[in-house]
Amino acid sequence: MRDGLHSTIQSWLSRLSDDDLDTVPEMEAHMASYPAYQHPGFRSEIADSLGQPIWRLLSGPCSGHMREHLGELDVLKQVIRGGMSQV
């Protein structure tokens, strides 16, 4: 399944033009028929994504994900150097 999902995403990304990347998707309309997307917890998590262009929606998780791993590496480095007695 993972390979199929990767292939589908790659195919979609390869068809995007610069103009497509500047498009602001109608997220509210797309999410309307999914009850799970109406949950207050989910809505609060995605609130700042509404109204954002596609390029921003794609780049945000990429940079945020990397920042999280850099934080993990910093903690690991401190543990290895003996800078933290407990984790």
C-alpha atoms as a PDB file:
ATOM      1  CA  MET A   1       0.000   0.000   0.000  1.00  0.00           C
ATOM      2  CA  ARG A   2       2.795   2.399   0.829  1.00  0.00           C
ATOM      3  CA  ASP A   3       4.300   2.037  -2.662  1.00  0.00           C
ATOM      4  CA  GLY A   4       0.883   2.673  -4.216  1.00  0.00           C
ATOM      5  CA  LEU A   5       0.386   5.802  -2.133  1.00  0.00           C
ATOM      6  CA  HIS A   6       3.875   7.036  -2.972  1.00  0.00           C
ATOM      7  CA  SER A   7       3.224   6.457  -6.664  1.00  0.00           C
ATOM      8  CA  THR A   8      -0.099   8.303  -6.518  1.00  0.00           C
ATOM      9  CA  ILE A   9       1.454  11.286  -4.729  1.00  0.00           C
ATOM     10  CA  GLN A  10       4.423  11.388  -7.108  1.00  0.00           C
ATOM     11  CA  SER A  11       2.067  11.329 -10.075  1.00  0.00           C
ATOM     12  CA  TRP A  12       0.004  14.197  -8.645  1.00  0.00           C
ATOM     13  CA  LEU A  13       3.084  16.279  -7.812  1.00  0.00           C
ATOM     14  CA  SER A  14       4.561  15.788 -11.272  1.00  0.00           C
ATOM     15  CA  ARG A  15       1.425  17.262 -12.854  1.00  0.00           C
ATOM     16  CA  LEU A  16       1.433  20.447 -10.740  1.00  0.00           C
ATOM     17  CA  SER A  17       2.392  23.686 -12.455  1.00  0.00           C
ATOM     18  CA  ASP A  18       3.619  26.864 -10.785  1.00  0.00           C
ATOM     19  CA  ASP A  19       0.102  28.266 -11.135  1.00  0.00           C
ATOM     20  CA  ASP A  20      -1.313  25.153  -9.434  1.00  0.00           C
ATOM     21  CA  LEU A  21       1.061  25.644  -6.515  1.00  0.00           C
ATOM     22  CA  ASP A  22      -0.293  29.163  -5.993  1.00  0.00           C
ATOM     23  CA  THR A  23      -3.896  27.915  -5.900  1.00  0.00           C
ATOM     24  CA  VAL A  24      -5.726  28.066  -2.576  1.00  0.00           C
ATOM     25  CA  PRO A  25      -7.704  24.820  -2.280  1.00  0.00           C
ATOM     26  CA  GLU A  26     -11.288  24.875  -1.064  1.00  0.00           C
ATOM     27  CA  MET A  27     -10.496  22.820   2.017  1.00  0.00           C
ATOM     28  CA  GLU A  28     -13.789  23.509   3.771  1.00  0.00           C
ATOM     29  CA  ALA A  29     -15.734  22.150   0.794  1.00  0.00           C
ATOM     30  CA  HIS A  30     -13.451  19.114   0.434  1.00  0.00           C
ATOM     31  CA  MET A  31     -13.712  18.241   4.130  1.00  0.00           C
ATOM     32  CA  ALA A  32     -17.460  18.827   4.481  1.00  0.00           C
ATOM     33  CA  SER A  33     -18.527  15.238   3.786  1.00  0.00           C
ATOM     34  CA  TYR A  34     -16.067  13.654   6.253  1.00  0.00           C
ATOM     35  CA  PRO A  35     -17.374  13.585   9.856  1.00  0.00           C
ATOM     36  CA  ALA A  36     -13.881  13.026  11.285  1.00  0.00           C
ATOM     37  CA  TYR A  37     -12.758  16.305   9.724  1.00  0.00           C
ATOM     38  CA  GLN A  38     -15.454  18.160  11.666  1.00  0.00           C
ATOM     39  CA  HIS A  39     -14.081  17.130  15.079  1.00  0.00           C
ATOM     40  CA  PRO A  40     -13.014  20.200  17.111  1.00  0.00           C
ATOM     41  CA  GLY A  41      -9.557  18.731  17.797  1.00  0.00           C
ATOM     42  CA  PHE A  42      -8.886  18.194  14.117  1.00  0.00           C
ATOM     43  CA  ARG A  43     -10.281  21.608  13.237  1.00  0.00           C
ATOM     44  CA  SER A  44      -7.958  23.322  15.702  1.00  0.00           C
ATOM     45  CA  GLU A  45      -4.958  21.446  14.284  1.00  0.00           C
ATOM     46  CA  ILE A  46      -5.622  22.592  10.716  1.00  0.00           C
ATOM     47  CA  ALA A  47      -7.035  26.073  11.403  1.00  0.00           C
ATOM     48  CA  ASP A  48      -3.884  27.864  10.250  1.00  0.00           C
ATOM     49  CA  SER A  49      -3.830  25.819   7.019  1.00  0.00           C
ATOM     50  CA  LEU A  50      -7.157  27.129   5.778  1.00  0.00           C
ATOM     51  CA  GLY A  51      -6.715  29.734   3.074  1.00  0.00           C
ATOM     52  CA  GLN A  52      -3.103  28.774   2.376  1.00  0.00           C
ATOM     53  CA  PRO A  53      -1.827  28.075  -1.161  1.00  0.00           C
ATOM     54  CA  ILE A  54      -0.844  24.540  -2.115  1.00  0.00           C
ATOM     55  CA  TRP A  55       2.894  25.330  -2.044  1.00  0.00           C
ATOM     56  CA  ARG A  56       2.577  26.329   1.622  1.00  0.00           C
ATOM     57  CA  LEU A  57       0.576  23.226   2.506  1.00  0.00           C
ATOM     58  CA  LEU A  58       3.271  21.037   0.939  1.00  0.00           C
ATOM     59  CA  SER A  59       6.335  22.829   2.299  1.00  0.00           C
ATOM     60  CA  GLY A  60       5.152  23.270   5.894  1.00  0.00           C
ATOM     61  CA  PRO A  61       5.223  19.603   6.921  1.00  0.00           C
ATOM     62  CA  CYS A  62       8.567  19.118   5.166  1.00  0.00           C
ATOM     63  CA  SER A  63      10.337  21.856   7.101  1.00  0.00           C
ATOM     64  CA  GLY A  64       8.508  21.117  10.364  1.00  0.00           C
ATOM     65  CA  HIS A  65       9.329  17.433  10.145  1.00  0.00           C
ATOM     66  CA  MET A  66      13.020  18.201   9.668  1.00  0.00           C
ATOM     67  CA  ARG A  67      12.995  20.616  12.632  1.00  0.00           C
ATOM     68  CA  GLU A  68      11.598  17.878  14.866  1.00  0.00           C
ATOM     69  CA  HIS A  69      14.389  15.510  13.883  1.00  0.00           C
ATOM     70  CA  LEU A  70      16.997  18.209  14.505  1.00  0.00           C
ATOM     71  CA  GLY A  71      15.598  18.572  18.017  1.00  0.00           C
ATOM     72  CA  GLU A  72      15.843  14.823  18.525  1.00  0.00           C
ATOM     73  CA  LEU A  73      19.450  14.869  17.344  1.00  0.00           C
ATOM     74  CA  ASP A  74      20.249  17.717  19.733  1.00  0.00           C
ATOM     75  CA  VAL A  75      18.854  15.747  22.690  1.00  0.00           C
ATOM     76  CA  LEU A  76      20.748  12.626  21.615  1.00  0.00           C
ATOM     77  CA  LYS A  77      23.970  14.599  21.310  1.00  0.00           C
ATOM     78  CA  GLN A  78      23.485  15.997  24.819  1.00  0.00           C
ATOM     79  CA  VAL A  79      22.857  12.498  26.223  1.00  0.00           C
ATOM     80  CA  ILE A  80      25.942  11.109  24.496  1.00  0.00           C
ATOM     81  CA  ARG A  81      28.082  13.966  25.833  1.00  0.00           C
ATOM     82  CA  GLY A  82      26.669  13.440  29.317  1.00  0.00           C
ATOM     83  CA  GLY A  83      24.854  16.735  29.382  1.00  0.00           C
ATOM     84  CA  MET A  84      21.590  15.207  30.487  1.00  0.00           C
ATOM     85  CA  SER A  85      21.269  12.786  33.344  1.00  0.00           C
ATOM     86  CA  GLN A  86      17.742  11.722  32.444  1.00  0.00           C
ATOM     87  CA  VAL A  87      15.672  11.668  29.293  1.00  0.00           C
END
